[in-house]
Protein backbone atom coordinates (compact mmCIF):
# COMPACT_ATOMS: atom_id res chain seq x y z
CA MET A 1 -0.08 0.12 -0.20
CA PRO A 2 1.79 3.69 -0.85
CA ILE A 3 2.34 6.07 1.53
CA ILE A 4 -0.28 8.94 1.53
CA ASN A 5 0.44 12.35 2.99
CA TYR A 6 -1.09 15.70 3.10
CA THR A 7 0.16 19.02 1.96
CA ARG A 8 -0.56 21.95 4.07
CA GLY A 9 -3.46 22.79 2.06
CA GLY A 10 -4.99 19.31 2.80
CA GLN A 11 -4.59 17.99 -0.81
CA THR A 12 -3.36 14.35 -0.75
CA TRP A 13 0.49 13.85 -1.88
CA THR A 14 2.11 10.41 -2.22
CA PRO A 15 6.13 10.52 -2.05
CA ARG A 16 8.00 8.94 -4.81
CA PHE A 17 11.51 8.13 -3.77
CA ILE A 18 14.81 7.79 -5.90
CA GLU A 19 15.15 4.63 -7.51
CA SER A 20 18.15 5.33 -9.82
CA ILE A 21 20.46 7.82 -11.95
CA ASP A 22 20.84 7.30 -15.78
CA VAL A 23 24.83 7.74 -15.52
CA ASN A 24 24.65 8.18 -19.44
CA LYS A 25 22.46 11.04 -19.19
CA CYS A 26 24.50 12.71 -15.94
CA ILE A 27 26.80 15.29 -16.52
CA GLY A 28 27.53 15.87 -13.17
CA CYS A 29 26.51 19.24 -12.64
CA GLY A 30 25.87 19.01 -8.93
CA ARG A 31 22.37 20.73 -9.38
CA CYS A 32 20.59 17.66 -7.66
CA TYR A 33 23.18 17.35 -4.77
CA LYS A 34 22.86 21.03 -4.02
CA VAL A 35 19.02 20.66 -3.76
CA CYS A 36 18.75 17.63 -1.54
CA SER A 37 18.22 18.67 1.92
CA ARG A 38 19.05 14.57 2.88
CA LYS A 39 22.67 14.43 1.58
CA VAL A 40 21.02 11.29 -0.40
CA LEU A 41 23.19 11.93 -3.35
CA GLU A 42 26.96 11.74 -3.76
CA LEU A 43 29.10 12.77 -6.77
CA ILE A 44 31.53 9.87 -7.96
CA GLU A 45 33.77 8.83 -10.70
CA LYS A 46 32.14 7.85 -13.90
CA PRO A 47 31.93 4.20 -14.20
CA PHE A 48 32.74 4.52 -18.40
CA GLU A 49 35.24 6.73 -20.03
CA GLY A 50 34.40 8.03 -23.86
CA GLU A 51 32.87 10.70 -25.91
CA ASP A 52 29.58 12.30 -26.12
CA GLU A 53 27.81 12.68 -29.55
CA PHE A 54 29.68 15.59 -30.25
CA GLY A 55 32.93 14.36 -29.96
CA ASP A 56 33.57 16.41 -26.63
CA ASP A 57 35.25 14.34 -23.81
CA MET A 58 32.42 13.74 -21.22
CA GLY A 59 33.20 14.91 -17.93
CA ASN A 60 34.53 12.46 -15.31
CA LYS A 61 31.87 12.71 -12.74
CA VAL A 62 28.51 11.67 -12.31
CA MET A 63 26.06 11.66 -9.82
CA SER A 64 25.24 8.37 -7.60
CA ILE A 65 22.49 7.46 -4.67
CA ALA A 66 24.57 6.90 -1.75
CA TYR A 67 21.82 6.92 1.09
CA PRO A 68 18.62 6.07 -0.62
CA GLU A 69 17.17 5.32 2.85
CA ASP A 70 17.01 9.13 3.54
CA CYS A 71 15.23 9.84 0.73
CA ILE A 72 11.90 11.31 1.61
CA GLY A 73 10.24 11.37 -1.99
CA CYS A 74 10.03 15.33 -2.45
CA GLU A 75 11.32 14.99 -6.17
CA ALA A 76 13.64 17.93 -5.58
CA CYS A 77 16.82 16.54 -7.55
CA SER A 78 14.76 15.31 -10.30
CA LYS A 79 12.97 18.60 -10.69
CA THR A 80 15.94 20.64 -11.08
CA CYS A 81 17.92 18.03 -13.02
CA THR A 82 17.84 19.62 -16.84
CA LYS A 83 18.69 15.98 -18.30
CA ARG A 84 16.22 13.92 -16.58
CA CYS A 85 18.56 11.55 -15.21
CA HIS A 86 16.65 10.63 -12.21
CA THR A 87 13.68 7.87 -11.82
CA HIS A 88 11.31 7.89 -8.90
CA ALA A 89 9.12 5.47 -7.54
CA GLU A 90 6.20 5.04 -5.09
CA VAL A 91 6.65 2.58 -2.36
């Protein structure tokens, strides 16, 4: 059964917790890291090497989920990501 909460205005709200980050899309900008108040994410070395579709050398860092148990399901990380790397799900 999904977790159901209420907003301050009394509307129902179902949190969606972070499931994964697509490292092929992530550019390691850190926006999601900065907006997460729970420190769920962590910048790590890229698990692969290569060039992007424009022939540019890709950055050497990507975001990873370090502490998924601390996620509160607000989806702030996803909302700030310009590359749409994050996947969230209800529990």
